[in-house]
């Protein structure tokens, strides 16, 4: 099976199932109770690394099976989407979030949804998901669709499963936070349950995201073998 599209599909399925099947089900609690929190996190991290390594190796070894021909306009999709995706990732990683590990106490604050959380309560996962979806457009071969599709399913499906898990675990405190925010970006703002605050997001996060974007554009051809910009 090595060097086949089937292996990419199997590796992508393993990545999604190993994450969702462990972290979003009762299996996580059973493993923590049996192993302890730190050993569980160590084993889970190792499993995650192995899953990503396998998917990457399978993708590199897979044959090119085109599903649609490349057109120069397609490359503009990630060029235009990725600055937004990077801002979500940067702001998501640097903003205190009640959904993050060990930060549930933030739900007791008068206003737990600040900054990028006013846009979406799952900014990091949405950033990864948008990045993956945008890369599916100019990469019209089967292996690329399986690679980026797996990452999109893992990230965007993860937003729904994470919300459900925290609702079960945190109860009314999470329900109040969820009612004042939204999973889908800008949904709570459009429903007038939240307001956009560029000041809370901060210029520093925007600058970091733009610098990261510029570095990626510059190194994309050298690292990945294809230029990021059309033409």
Protein backbone atom coordinates (compact mmCIF):
# COMPACT_ATOMS: atom_id res chain seq x y z
CA UNK A 1 0.00 0.00 0.00
CA UNK A 2 3.01 2.31 0.40
CA UNK A 3 3.14 5.04 -2.22
CA UNK A 4 -0.57 4.91 -3.01
CA UNK A 5 -3.56 7.22 -2.70
CA UNK A 6 -5.12 4.61 -0.43
CA UNK A 7 -2.29 5.06 2.08
CA UNK A 8 -2.89 8.83 2.17
CA UNK A 9 -6.58 8.19 2.80
CA UNK A 10 -5.78 5.70 5.57
CA UNK A 11 -3.25 8.05 7.19
CA UNK A 12 -5.73 10.93 7.05
CA UNK A 13 -8.43 8.77 8.61
CA UNK A 14 -6.03 7.67 11.35
CA UNK A 15 -5.16 11.31 12.10
CA UNK A 16 -8.80 12.33 12.46
CA UNK A 17 -9.97 9.25 14.35
CA UNK A 18 -6.98 9.16 16.71
CA UNK A 19 -7.62 12.77 17.74
CA UNK A 20 -11.41 12.83 17.85
CA UNK A 21 -11.78 9.27 19.08
CA UNK A 22 -9.53 9.89 22.07
CA UNK A 23 -9.87 13.51 23.12
CA UNK A 24 -13.60 13.93 22.44
CA UNK A 25 -14.97 10.74 23.94
CA UNK A 26 -15.07 9.01 27.30
CA UNK A 27 -11.86 7.21 26.38
CA UNK A 28 -9.84 10.26 27.43
CA UNK A 29 -11.23 10.18 30.98
CA UNK A 30 -10.65 6.44 31.25
CA UNK A 31 -7.04 6.78 30.12
CA UNK A 32 -6.36 9.70 32.46
CA UNK A 33 -7.82 7.76 35.37
CA UNK A 34 -5.64 4.76 34.56
CA UNK A 35 -2.39 6.48 33.55
CA UNK A 36 -2.52 9.91 35.14
CA UNK A 37 -2.77 13.31 33.43
CA UNK A 38 0.89 13.78 32.48
CA UNK A 39 1.53 10.26 31.12
CA UNK A 40 -1.69 10.53 29.12
CA UNK A 41 -0.66 13.88 27.63
CA UNK A 42 2.75 12.44 26.77
CA UNK A 43 1.28 9.42 25.01
CA UNK A 44 -1.34 11.56 23.26
CA UNK A 45 1.34 13.96 22.01
CA UNK A 46 3.43 11.04 20.74
CA UNK A 47 0.40 9.59 18.94
CA UNK A 48 -0.31 12.99 17.36
CA UNK A 49 3.26 13.36 16.11
CA UNK A 50 3.23 9.85 14.63
CA UNK A 51 -0.11 10.53 12.91
CA UNK A 52 1.15 13.75 11.30
CA UNK A 53 4.45 12.15 10.29
CA UNK A 54 2.66 9.22 8.65
CA UNK A 55 0.29 11.52 6.77
CA UNK A 56 3.16 13.68 5.54
CA UNK A 57 5.22 10.68 4.44
CA UNK A 58 2.25 9.08 2.67
CA UNK A 59 1.50 12.35 0.88
CA UNK A 60 5.08 12.76 -0.37
CA UNK A 61 5.17 9.17 -1.68
CA UNK A 62 1.75 9.27 -3.35
CA UNK A 63 1.36 9.45 -7.14
CA UNK A 64 -0.15 12.56 -8.75
CA UNK A 65 -3.74 11.85 -9.71
CA UNK A 66 -5.26 15.07 -11.07
CA UNK A 67 -8.93 15.73 -10.41
CA UNK A 68 -8.95 19.16 -12.04
CA UNK A 69 -6.41 21.24 -13.92
CA UNK A 70 -4.59 24.10 -12.28
CA UNK A 71 -5.59 27.65 -13.18
CA UNK A 72 -3.58 30.71 -12.05
CA UNK A 73 -6.62 32.29 -10.32
CA UNK A 74 -6.81 29.33 -7.95
CA UNK A 75 -3.56 30.34 -6.27
CA UNK A 76 -5.15 33.63 -5.24
CA UNK A 77 -7.51 31.80 -2.87
CA UNK A 78 -4.86 30.90 -0.26
CA UNK A 79 -3.04 34.18 -0.91
CA UNK A 80 -6.17 36.10 0.12
CA UNK A 81 -7.46 33.74 2.81
CA UNK A 82 -4.22 32.98 4.64
CA UNK A 83 -3.68 36.43 6.22
CA UNK A 84 -7.06 36.02 7.94
CA UNK A 85 -6.22 32.43 8.88
CA UNK A 86 -2.86 33.48 10.34
CA UNK A 87 -4.46 36.27 12.37
CA UNK A 88 -6.92 33.76 13.82
CA UNK A 89 -4.06 31.40 14.68
CA UNK A 90 -1.83 34.09 16.22
CA UNK A 91 -4.64 35.73 18.15
CA UNK A 92 -6.04 32.36 19.18
CA UNK A 93 -2.71 31.23 20.62
CA UNK A 94 -2.10 34.49 22.47
CA UNK A 95 -5.57 35.24 23.87
CA UNK A 96 -6.82 33.84 27.17
CA UNK A 97 -9.64 31.45 26.28
CA UNK A 98 -11.97 29.50 28.62
CA UNK A 99 -11.90 26.61 26.15
CA UNK A 100 -8.12 26.16 26.54
CA UNK A 101 -6.66 23.60 28.91
CA UNK A 102 -6.55 24.91 32.47
CA UNK A 103 -8.34 28.19 31.70
CA UNK A 104 -11.95 27.32 32.56
CA UNK A 105 -11.76 29.72 35.53
CA UNK A 106 -11.95 32.56 33.01
CA UNK A 107 -15.66 31.82 32.73
CA UNK A 108 -16.09 33.51 36.12
CA UNK A 109 -14.94 36.87 34.74
CA UNK A 110 -17.62 39.47 34.01
CA UNK A 111 -16.62 39.46 30.32
CA UNK A 112 -14.75 36.23 29.43
CA UNK A 113 -15.08 36.84 25.67
CA UNK A 114 -12.55 39.48 24.70
CA UNK A 115 -10.48 40.19 21.62
CA UNK A 116 -10.64 37.53 18.94
CA UNK A 117 -13.11 35.52 21.06
CA UNK A 118 -15.75 38.08 20.09
CA UNK A 119 -15.28 36.87 16.51
CA UNK A 120 -15.22 33.14 17.31
CA UNK A 121 -14.66 31.18 20.49
CA UNK A 122 -12.45 28.72 18.55
CA UNK A 123 -10.05 31.05 16.68
CA UNK A 124 -7.05 28.72 16.40
CA UNK A 125 -9.06 25.82 14.99
CA UNK A 126 -10.85 28.09 12.53
CA UNK A 127 -7.51 29.50 11.40
CA UNK A 128 -6.17 26.02 10.68
CA UNK A 129 -9.43 25.01 9.01
CA UNK A 130 -9.51 28.04 6.69
CA UNK A 131 -5.84 27.51 5.81
CA UNK A 132 -6.54 23.89 4.88
CA UNK A 133 -9.68 24.66 2.87
CA UNK A 134 -7.93 27.45 0.96
CA UNK A 135 -5.11 25.10 -0.05
CA UNK A 136 -7.56 22.60 -1.52
CA UNK A 137 -8.48 24.98 -4.34
CA UNK A 138 -5.13 25.23 -6.18
CA UNK A 139 -4.12 21.65 -5.35
CA UNK A 140 -6.47 19.61 -7.47
CA UNK A 141 -4.85 16.22 -7.07
CA UNK A 142 -6.24 13.40 -4.98
CA UNK A 143 -3.39 13.21 -2.47
CA UNK A 144 -3.52 16.96 -1.75
CA UNK A 145 -7.28 16.87 -1.28
CA UNK A 146 -6.92 14.02 1.20
CA UNK A 147 -4.11 15.80 3.06
CA UNK A 148 -5.75 19.21 3.35
CA UNK A 149 -9.22 17.70 3.66
CA UNK A 150 -8.12 15.64 6.66
CA UNK A 151 -6.70 18.75 8.34
CA UNK A 152 -9.87 20.72 7.58
CA UNK A 153 -12.09 17.99 9.03
CA UNK A 154 -9.88 17.70 12.10
CA UNK A 155 -9.89 21.46 12.75
CA UNK A 156 -13.46 22.42 11.85
CA UNK A 157 -14.98 19.22 13.21
CA UNK A 158 -12.91 19.82 16.31
CA UNK A 159 -14.69 23.13 16.97
CA UNK A 160 -18.04 21.37 17.24
CA UNK A 161 -16.73 18.48 19.34
CA UNK A 162 -14.79 20.80 21.66
CA UNK A 163 -17.91 22.88 22.29
CA UNK A 164 -19.93 19.76 23.07
CA UNK A 165 -17.25 18.38 25.41
CA UNK A 166 -16.98 21.65 27.36
CA UNK A 167 -20.75 21.97 27.58
CA UNK A 168 -20.90 18.55 29.25
CA UNK A 169 -17.97 19.27 31.54
CA UNK A 170 -18.65 22.87 32.58
CA UNK A 171 -22.43 23.06 32.44
CA UNK A 172 -24.18 26.41 32.98
CA UNK A 173 -20.95 28.41 33.09
CA UNK A 174 -20.09 27.26 29.57
CA UNK A 175 -23.66 27.71 28.40
CA UNK A 176 -23.54 31.41 29.33
CA UNK A 177 -20.24 31.86 27.51
CA UNK A 178 -21.49 29.99 24.44
CA UNK A 179 -24.69 32.06 24.35
CA UNK A 180 -22.64 35.27 24.24
CA UNK A 181 -20.22 34.05 21.56
CA UNK A 182 -20.31 31.90 18.43
CA UNK A 183 -18.38 29.05 16.90
CA UNK A 184 -18.95 30.32 13.35
CA UNK A 185 -16.81 33.46 12.89
CA UNK A 186 -18.75 36.74 13.13
CA UNK A 187 -22.08 34.97 13.78
CA UNK A 188 -22.43 36.43 17.30
CA UNK A 189 -21.46 39.89 16.02
CA UNK A 190 -24.02 39.75 13.23
CA UNK A 191 -26.63 38.57 15.75
CA UNK A 192 -25.66 41.56 17.95
CA UNK A 193 -24.65 39.33 20.85
CA UNK A 194 -21.09 40.63 20.52
CA UNK A 195 -19.20 43.58 19.08
CA UNK A 196 -15.99 43.65 17.10
CA UNK A 197 -13.10 45.27 18.97
CA UNK A 198 -9.96 45.71 16.88
CA UNK A 199 -8.32 47.39 19.87
CA UNK A 200 -8.73 44.26 22.01
CA UNK A 201 -7.29 42.08 19.25
CA UNK A 202 -4.34 44.45 19.13
CA UNK A 203 -1.91 45.75 16.56
CA UNK A 204 0.87 43.51 17.83
CA UNK A 205 -1.02 40.37 16.90
CA UNK A 206 -1.83 41.81 13.48
CA UNK A 207 1.83 42.69 12.90
CA UNK A 208 2.99 39.22 13.98
CA UNK A 209 0.48 37.61 11.62
CA UNK A 210 1.54 39.83 8.70
CA UNK A 211 5.24 39.19 9.33
CA UNK A 212 4.58 35.43 9.45
CA UNK A 213 2.60 35.75 6.22
CA UNK A 214 5.44 37.61 4.50
CA UNK A 215 7.96 34.98 5.62
CA UNK A 216 5.74 32.18 4.32
CA UNK A 217 5.34 33.90 0.95
CA UNK A 218 9.11 34.35 0.70
CA UNK A 219 10.03 30.80 1.69
CA UNK A 220 7.12 28.90 0.15
CA UNK A 221 8.86 28.01 -3.11
CA UNK A 222 12.08 27.04 -1.35
CA UNK A 223 10.40 24.86 1.28
CA UNK A 224 7.49 23.38 -0.66
CA UNK A 225 8.78 23.55 -4.22
CA UNK A 226 6.02 25.81 -5.59
CA UNK A 227 5.63 29.60 -5.38
CA UNK A 228 2.79 30.94 -3.24
CA UNK A 229 2.00 33.81 -5.61
CA UNK A 230 0.35 33.14 -8.97
CA UNK A 231 2.68 33.17 -11.95
